Structure formats: C-alpha cells, structure tokens
Protein backbone atom coordinates (compact mmCIF):
# COMPACT_ATOMS: atom_id res chain seq x y z
CA MET A 1 137.29 48.47 58.29
CA ARG A 2 138.90 45.92 60.56
CA ILE A 3 142.33 47.09 59.55
CA ARG A 4 141.50 50.64 60.52
CA ILE A 5 140.33 49.55 63.98
CA VAL A 6 143.43 47.42 64.50
CA LEU A 7 145.71 50.24 63.32
CA SER A 8 143.99 52.80 65.54
CA LEU A 9 144.36 50.46 68.52
CA ILE A 10 148.04 50.01 67.76
CA VAL A 11 148.50 53.78 67.52
CA LEU A 12 146.55 54.32 70.74
CA VAL A 13 148.52 51.69 72.64
CA GLY A 14 151.75 53.01 71.16
CA GLY A 15 150.90 56.53 72.25
CA LEU A 16 150.05 55.40 75.78
CA MET A 17 153.11 53.20 76.20
CA PRO A 18 155.18 55.86 78.00
CA THR A 19 152.37 56.47 80.56
CA ILE A 20 151.43 52.84 81.21
CA PRO A 21 154.34 52.15 83.62
CA VAL A 22 153.41 55.28 85.63
CA LEU A 23 149.76 54.24 85.79
CA ALA A 24 150.73 50.68 86.63
CA ASP A 25 153.05 51.91 89.41
CA ASP A 26 150.32 54.11 90.93
CA PHE A 27 147.79 51.33 90.61
CA LEU A 28 150.03 48.75 92.29
CA LEU A 29 150.97 51.19 95.08
CA SER A 30 147.32 52.01 95.70
CA ILE A 31 146.49 48.29 95.97
CA GLY A 32 149.19 47.82 98.61
CA ARG A 33 148.21 50.98 100.49
CA ASP A 34 144.50 50.12 100.46
CA PHE A 35 145.21 46.56 101.61
CA LYS A 36 147.20 47.84 104.60
CA ARG A 37 144.55 50.43 105.49
CA ARG A 38 141.78 47.86 105.45
CA ASN A 39 143.71 45.39 107.60
CA CYS A 40 144.54 47.92 110.35
CA TRP A 41 141.19 49.64 110.09
CA PRO A 42 140.17 50.65 113.60
CA GLU A 43 143.62 51.66 114.84
CA PRO A 44 144.03 54.96 112.96
CA PHE A 45 140.70 56.13 114.32
CA VAL A 46 140.83 54.88 117.91
CA CYS A 47 142.90 57.75 119.35
CA PRO A 48 140.71 60.55 117.95
CA ASP A 49 137.60 58.67 119.08
CA ARG A 50 138.95 58.26 122.60
CA GLN A 51 139.93 61.91 122.73
CA SER A 52 136.46 63.00 121.63
CA VAL A 53 134.93 60.90 124.42
CA ARG A 54 137.33 62.20 127.09
CA GLU A 55 137.13 65.87 126.12
CA PRO A 56 133.70 66.62 127.69
CA THR A 57 134.84 64.97 130.92
CA ALA A 58 137.97 67.13 131.01
CA ILE A 59 135.84 70.23 130.46
CA MET A 60 133.48 69.21 133.28
CA ILE A 61 136.40 68.60 135.65
CA ALA A 62 137.90 72.01 134.82
CA ARG A 63 134.54 73.73 135.39
CA GLY A 64 134.10 71.84 138.66
CA TRP A 65 137.45 73.08 139.95
CA GLU A 66 136.59 76.58 138.77
CA ARG A 67 133.34 76.46 140.73
CA GLN A 68 135.10 74.93 143.77
CA ASN A 69 137.76 77.67 143.84
CA MET A 70 135.37 80.53 143.12
CA LEU A 71 134.81 83.39 145.55
CA HIS A 72 131.48 85.16 145.04
CA ASP A 73 129.39 87.70 146.97
CA GLN A 74 129.11 85.47 150.06
CA TYR A 75 132.86 85.64 150.61
CA PHE A 76 133.04 89.45 150.74
CA GLU A 77 131.49 91.86 153.24
CA ASP A 78 128.40 93.72 152.02
CA GLY A 79 129.23 97.05 150.41
CA ARG A 80 132.95 96.53 150.93
CA ASN A 81 135.52 94.48 149.09
CA VAL A 82 136.95 92.92 152.22
CA LEU A 83 137.11 89.15 152.63
CA THR A 84 134.88 87.54 155.23
CA GLU A 85 136.23 84.80 157.49
CA ALA A 86 134.79 82.21 155.09
CA GLY A 87 136.62 83.88 152.19
CA LYS A 88 139.91 83.79 154.11
CA ILE A 89 139.44 80.11 154.95
CA LYS A 90 138.66 79.28 151.31
CA ILE A 91 141.73 81.14 150.00
CA HIS A 92 143.88 79.44 152.63
CA TRP A 93 142.57 76.05 151.48
CA ILE A 94 143.17 76.86 147.79
CA VAL A 95 146.72 78.07 148.44
CA THR A 96 147.80 75.29 150.79
CA GLU A 97 145.67 72.18 150.26
CA ALA A 98 144.23 72.14 146.74
CA PRO A 99 146.14 69.98 144.22
CA SER A 100 148.93 72.06 142.73
CA GLN A 101 147.51 71.94 139.19
CA HIS A 102 144.22 73.40 140.49
CA ARG A 103 145.60 76.20 142.67
CA VAL A 104 143.81 79.04 140.95
CA ILE A 105 141.59 81.58 142.72
CA TYR A 106 138.52 82.58 140.73
CA ILE A 107 136.57 85.74 141.54
CA ARG A 108 132.96 85.99 140.37
CA ARG A 109 132.51 88.93 138.02
CA SER A 110 130.29 91.60 139.57
CA ASP A 111 128.21 94.26 137.81
CA ASN A 112 130.87 96.87 138.45
CA PRO A 113 134.35 96.24 136.95
CA GLN A 114 136.03 98.31 139.68
CA GLU A 115 134.42 96.13 142.34
CA THR A 116 135.63 92.98 140.58
CA PHE A 117 139.16 94.39 140.38
CA ALA A 118 139.10 95.41 144.08
CA ARG A 119 137.95 91.91 145.05
CA MET A 120 140.72 90.34 142.96
CA GLU A 121 143.29 92.57 144.68
CA ALA A 122 141.90 91.69 148.15
CA ALA A 123 142.10 87.98 147.34
CA ARG A 124 145.64 88.34 145.94
CA ALA A 125 146.78 90.29 149.04
CA TYR A 126 145.43 87.65 151.42
CA ALA A 127 146.90 84.83 149.33
CA VAL A 128 150.33 86.47 149.68
CA GLN A 129 149.88 86.49 153.49
CA VAL A 130 149.08 82.78 153.77
CA LEU A 131 151.35 81.54 151.00
CA PRO A 132 153.85 78.95 152.25
CA ALA A 133 157.50 79.84 151.66
CA GLY A 134 158.88 78.77 148.31
CA GLN A 135 155.52 78.36 146.57
CA PRO A 136 154.48 80.56 143.66
CA LEU A 137 151.49 82.84 144.04
CA PRO A 138 148.45 81.18 142.43
CA PRO A 139 146.78 83.16 139.65
CA VAL A 140 143.68 85.18 140.55
CA LEU A 141 141.26 85.12 137.62
CA GLU A 142 137.84 86.52 136.87
CA THR A 143 134.98 84.12 136.09
CA SER A 144 131.39 84.45 134.95
CA LEU A 145 130.14 81.17 136.44
CA SER A 146 127.11 81.54 138.66
CA PRO A 147 127.48 80.56 142.31
CA PRO A 148 125.76 77.40 143.50
CA SER A 149 122.33 78.21 144.85
CA TRP A 150 118.96 76.77 145.74
CA SER A 151 115.53 78.19 145.21
CA ALA A 152 113.76 79.51 148.29
CA ASP A 153 111.04 76.85 147.85
CA ARG A 154 113.59 74.02 148.01
CA ALA A 155 115.26 75.49 151.10
CA ASP A 156 111.84 75.86 152.73
CA VAL A 157 110.89 72.22 151.97
CA ILE A 158 114.16 70.93 153.43
CA SER A 159 113.77 73.08 156.55
CA ARG A 160 110.17 71.95 157.10
CA ARG A 161 111.02 68.26 156.66
CA PHE A 162 113.93 68.57 159.06
CA THR A 163 111.68 70.25 161.63
CA SER A 164 108.89 67.68 161.20
CA CYS A 165 111.32 64.77 161.72
CA THR A 166 112.81 66.15 164.92
CA PRO A 167 111.61 64.10 167.92
CA ASP A 168 110.03 65.84 170.89
CA PRO A 169 112.49 66.46 173.71
CA LYS A 170 112.17 64.06 176.68
CA LEU A 171 113.90 64.04 180.01
CA PRO A 172 115.21 60.71 181.19
CA SER A 173 112.85 59.09 183.69
CA THR A 174 114.20 58.64 187.21
CA GLY A 175 112.61 55.61 188.74
CA GLY A 176 112.89 54.54 192.37
CA SER A 177 116.21 52.87 191.75
CA ALA A 178 118.40 55.93 192.22
CA THR A 179 121.47 55.17 194.28
CA LYS A 180 123.30 57.44 196.65
CA THR A 181 126.99 57.87 196.43
CA ASN A 182 129.05 58.53 199.52
C-alpha cells in the first residue's frame, strides 16, 4: 500500500515537473508585485480621489458662470426680442471684461423656440457691435437654468424692514449763533 502511494506521488510530481517552473515564476512575480503595491499603497489612488473631490466644485463654478452670463426675460423688452439697456450693458461686460475662458453668452430658453432663436440673434448682433477688434465672437448658447429670483414675501419683508429702520427727516437747528458774511 505504501509503495502504491509513493509511486503515485512520483508519477504526479513527474507529470507536474514541466509546469512547476511556470507556476513558480508566476508565484514569485506575484510576491514582488504585491509587495510593491502594498508599500506604495495610497499613491495609486490619490489622483482619482482628488479628482472626485474637485469635480463637484468645477461643476458649481461652471454653473455659476452660466448663471452670471445668462440673459433672461428681464433683459429683453416685453413682447419684443429687443435688448433692454441692462441687456446691452451685460453683453458689453461679457464681451469685454469677463475672463476669456468664461466669455459665453447664455440665453434663457423661453416657451417658444422662435422667441429663443430671435433673442439669441439679437444678443449675437449686439455682441458683434461691441466686440473689440481682433477678438473672436463669444458663443451664444441656450440654457435652461432658472433666473435668480426672490419670493414676493421675502421682498416685502426686506422692504418693510428697510422702511422701519429709516430715521425721520430732521432739519438742522439754527441757534442764535448764526454769523453774517460780508
């Protein structure tokens, strides 16, 4: 019985002999690779972690510039797609003073696509008028962001507090020490 076990082990080892160097090579390589990975552990993951932390901030900055450079209903005359004075001033600022990477004019999407297109054309035409020589025309894009607004209740509270804090008007008192000038 013992002889059979010993012979079967010899046959098994003999049959595996050609594959043992391959297994040993893989095993030794994996030990070296795993050792290196464990000793430099945080470094391979730091860049993706930092990027995942910075990404929401980059999105918020982009949305902030989109909201800052957005023209909505306030900047166009009622019933017409003509820029108001405030709209002209805002386009002038975007074209001449905004940082170059943020020189994009956004037009708030209206209910009617033709109205949105007409507003984009009006903004583009005015931007061409105020564009400094040698600068490219900034893109005029459509956006669905809502304009900044306050509720009527909040505006009413602010107005009432401002009015309640205003001091009563008083004329300066003129005592008996007024002097005459010749």
